[in-house]
Amino acid sequence: MRRHLIAFDLEATCWREPPLSAHQATETEIIEIGAVRLHPVTREEEGRFETVVQPVRHTTLSPYCMELTGIQQE
């Protein structure tokens, strides 16, 4: 059985200004999922996955979040 290494990254909603910035631990939602499959020995990239996710609770991204992540509202 061949094994792989998977490195993943999650981006989440974020705010610079109150009121939501004070509650980021409980109010954030995932907005992007990225993953890379690596060869277990050479660490060469063997596959990639990226998708954006529409937030449900706070559907409009803050300007700060768009600047920080590069993800646009569209």
Protein backbone atom coordinates (compact mmCIF):
# COMPACT_ATOMS: atom_id res chain seq x y z
CA MET A 1 0.00 0.00 0.00
CA ARG A 2 1.44 3.37 -1.07
CA ARG A 3 1.27 6.14 1.49
CA HIS A 4 0.96 9.84 0.80
CA LEU A 5 1.44 13.02 2.74
CA ILE A 6 -1.37 15.53 2.62
CA ALA A 7 -0.77 19.15 3.60
CA PHE A 8 -3.89 21.25 3.92
CA ASP A 9 -4.75 24.88 4.53
CA LEU A 10 -8.03 26.41 5.64
CA GLU A 11 -8.92 30.06 5.18
CA ALA A 12 -11.69 31.53 7.33
CA THR A 13 -13.69 34.71 7.61
CA CYS A 14 -11.99 37.41 9.65
CA TRP A 15 -12.52 40.98 10.76
CA ARG A 16 -10.22 43.77 11.85
CA GLU A 17 -12.91 45.89 13.52
CA PRO A 18 -15.43 45.14 16.30
CA PRO A 19 -17.94 43.77 16.97
CA LEU A 20 -17.09 40.53 15.15
CA SER A 21 -13.31 40.85 15.55
CA ALA A 22 -13.72 40.32 19.28
CA HIS A 23 -15.48 36.99 18.64
CA GLN A 24 -13.33 35.45 15.91
CA ALA A 25 -12.90 32.20 17.84
CA THR A 26 -16.65 31.55 17.64
CA GLU A 27 -17.84 33.52 14.59
CA THR A 28 -15.42 32.49 11.84
CA GLU A 29 -16.40 30.18 8.99
CA ILE A 30 -14.24 28.33 6.51
CA ILE A 31 -14.18 30.10 3.13
CA GLU A 32 -11.46 28.15 1.30
CA ILE A 33 -10.00 24.66 1.51
CA GLY A 34 -6.66 23.85 -0.09
CA ALA A 35 -4.68 20.62 -0.05
CA VAL A 36 -1.53 19.25 -1.65
CA ARG A 37 -0.62 15.56 -1.93
CA LEU A 38 3.13 14.98 -1.59
CA HIS A 39 5.26 11.96 -2.39
CA PRO A 40 6.28 10.50 0.99
CA VAL A 41 9.98 10.27 0.11
CA THR A 42 10.75 13.02 -2.40
CA ARG A 43 8.13 15.47 -1.08
CA GLU A 44 7.30 16.33 -4.71
CA GLU A 45 3.78 17.57 -5.33
CA GLU A 46 1.60 14.85 -6.83
CA GLY A 47 -1.80 16.51 -6.69
CA ARG A 48 -3.59 19.66 -5.65
CA PHE A 49 -7.10 20.56 -4.54
CA GLU A 50 -8.63 24.00 -4.00
CA THR A 51 -12.22 25.09 -3.46
CA VAL A 52 -13.99 28.11 -2.05
CA VAL A 53 -16.86 27.72 0.38
CA GLN A 54 -19.77 30.15 0.76
CA PRO A 55 -20.09 31.29 4.38
CA VAL A 56 -23.58 30.93 5.84
CA ARG A 57 -23.68 33.01 9.04
CA HIS A 58 -21.77 36.07 7.78
CA THR A 59 -22.17 35.95 4.01
CA THR A 60 -20.36 39.19 3.20
CA LEU A 61 -16.57 39.07 3.49
CA SER A 62 -14.95 41.98 5.26
CA PRO A 63 -12.53 44.16 3.28
CA TYR A 64 -9.84 43.05 5.74
CA CYS A 65 -10.56 39.37 5.03
CA MET A 66 -10.47 39.89 1.25
CA GLU A 67 -7.17 41.77 1.54
CA LEU A 68 -5.62 39.19 3.86
CA THR A 69 -6.68 36.05 1.95
CA GLY A 70 -6.93 37.34 -1.62
CA ILE A 71 -10.42 35.80 -1.83
CA GLN A 72 -13.00 38.06 -3.45
CA GLN A 73 -16.70 38.25 -2.63
CA GLU A 74 -17.70 37.01 -6.09
